[in-house]
Amino acid sequence: MVGHLKPMKLESYKPLRDIVSDAIRQAIIDWTFSPGERLMKIQLADEMGVSRTNVR
């Protein structure tokens, strides 16, 4: 699963949790993840360079 998400853009002020949730939501909409694929918060956090709390 590593390498699925696009780099996050920090163009305007938004809480990090919102940026992370928007990125994950967009990846789901773009079919980056397969239907039924299990999303693991530890792997997503590592890939995005954020803490697990922001992914949770």
C-alpha atoms as a PDB file:
ATOM      1  CA  MET A   1       0.000   0.000   0.000  1.00  0.00           C
ATOM      2  CA  VAL A   2       2.954   2.373   0.416  1.00  0.00           C
ATOM      3  CA  GLY A   3       3.121   4.971  -2.340  1.00  0.00           C
ATOM      4  CA  HIS A   4      -0.600   5.254  -3.060  1.00  0.00           C
ATOM      5  CA  LEU A   5      -1.214   8.804  -1.907  1.00  0.00           C
ATOM      6  CA  LYS A   6      -0.209  12.010  -3.635  1.00  0.00           C
ATOM      7  CA  PRO A   7       1.883  14.586  -1.739  1.00  0.00           C
ATOM      8  CA  MET A   8      -0.182  16.960   0.369  1.00  0.00           C
ATOM      9  CA  LYS A   9      -0.359  20.615  -0.676  1.00  0.00           C
ATOM     10  CA  LEU A  10      -0.188  23.161   2.111  1.00  0.00           C
ATOM     11  CA  GLU A  11      -1.428  26.223   0.195  1.00  0.00           C
ATOM     12  CA  SER A  12      -3.802  27.654   2.772  1.00  0.00           C
ATOM     13  CA  TYR A  13      -4.386  27.270   6.469  1.00  0.00           C
ATOM     14  CA  LYS A  14      -6.342  24.163   7.314  1.00  0.00           C
ATOM     15  CA  PRO A  15      -6.005  21.912  10.336  1.00  0.00           C
ATOM     16  CA  LEU A  16      -3.728  18.970   9.541  1.00  0.00           C
ATOM     17  CA  ARG A  17      -6.520  16.503  10.330  1.00  0.00           C
ATOM     18  CA  ASP A  18      -8.637  18.120   7.584  1.00  0.00           C
ATOM     19  CA  ILE A  19      -5.796  17.983   5.056  1.00  0.00           C
ATOM     20  CA  VAL A  20      -5.211  14.300   5.865  1.00  0.00           C
ATOM     21  CA  SER A  21      -8.906  13.386   5.660  1.00  0.00           C
ATOM     22  CA  ASP A  22      -9.267  15.292   2.365  1.00  0.00           C
ATOM     23  CA  ALA A  23      -6.257  13.433   0.915  1.00  0.00           C
ATOM     24  CA  ILE A  24      -7.616  10.038   1.970  1.00  0.00           C
ATOM     25  CA  ARG A  25     -11.110  10.914   0.728  1.00  0.00           C
ATOM     26  CA  GLN A  26      -9.702  12.014  -2.647  1.00  0.00           C
ATOM     27  CA  ALA A  27      -7.662   8.808  -2.925  1.00  0.00           C
ATOM     28  CA  ILE A  28     -10.851   6.797  -2.385  1.00  0.00           C
ATOM     29  CA  ILE A  29     -12.750   8.857  -4.982  1.00  0.00           C
ATOM     30  CA  ASP A  30      -9.859   8.459  -7.473  1.00  0.00           C
ATOM     31  CA  TRP A  31      -9.903   4.649  -6.997  1.00  0.00           C
ATOM     32  CA  THR A  32      -6.359   4.759  -5.617  1.00  0.00           C
ATOM     33  CA  PHE A  33      -7.446   2.059  -3.195  1.00  0.00           C
ATOM     34  CA  SER A  34      -9.099  -1.136  -4.387  1.00  0.00           C
ATOM     35  CA  PRO A  35     -12.673  -1.790  -3.260  1.00  0.00           C
ATOM     36  CA  GLY A  36     -12.549  -3.679   0.007  1.00  0.00           C
ATOM     37  CA  GLU A  37      -8.884  -2.818   0.584  1.00  0.00           C
ATOM     38  CA  ARG A  38      -8.137  -2.419   4.259  1.00  0.00           C
ATOM     39  CA  LEU A  39      -6.732   0.986   5.146  1.00  0.00           C
ATOM     40  CA  MET A  40      -4.271   0.730   8.012  1.00  0.00           C
ATOM     41  CA  LYS A  41      -3.788   3.942   9.964  1.00  0.00           C
ATOM     42  CA  ILE A  42      -0.147   3.167  10.781  1.00  0.00           C
ATOM     43  CA  GLN A  43       0.759   2.721   7.106  1.00  0.00           C
ATOM     44  CA  LEU A  44      -1.253   5.757   6.009  1.00  0.00           C
ATOM     45  CA  ALA A  45       0.355   7.906   8.712  1.00  0.00           C
ATOM     46  CA  ASP A  46       3.854   6.755   7.724  1.00  0.00           C
ATOM     47  CA  GLU A  47       3.176   7.369   4.038  1.00  0.00           C
ATOM     48  CA  MET A  48       1.776  10.848   4.680  1.00  0.00           C
ATOM     49  CA  GLY A  49       4.414  11.757   7.263  1.00  0.00           C
ATOM     50  CA  VAL A  50       1.911  12.535  10.019  1.00  0.00           C
ATOM     51  CA  SER A  51       0.987  10.996  13.347  1.00  0.00           C
ATOM     52  CA  ARG A  52      -1.620   8.283  13.677  1.00  0.00           C
ATOM     53  CA  THR A  53      -3.839  10.733  15.556  1.00  0.00           C
ATOM     54  CA  ASN A  54      -4.253  12.843  12.413  1.00  0.00           C
ATOM     55  CA  VAL A  55      -5.248   9.779  10.399  1.00  0.00           C
ATOM     56  CA  ARG A  56      -7.601   8.488  13.073  1.00  0.00           C
END
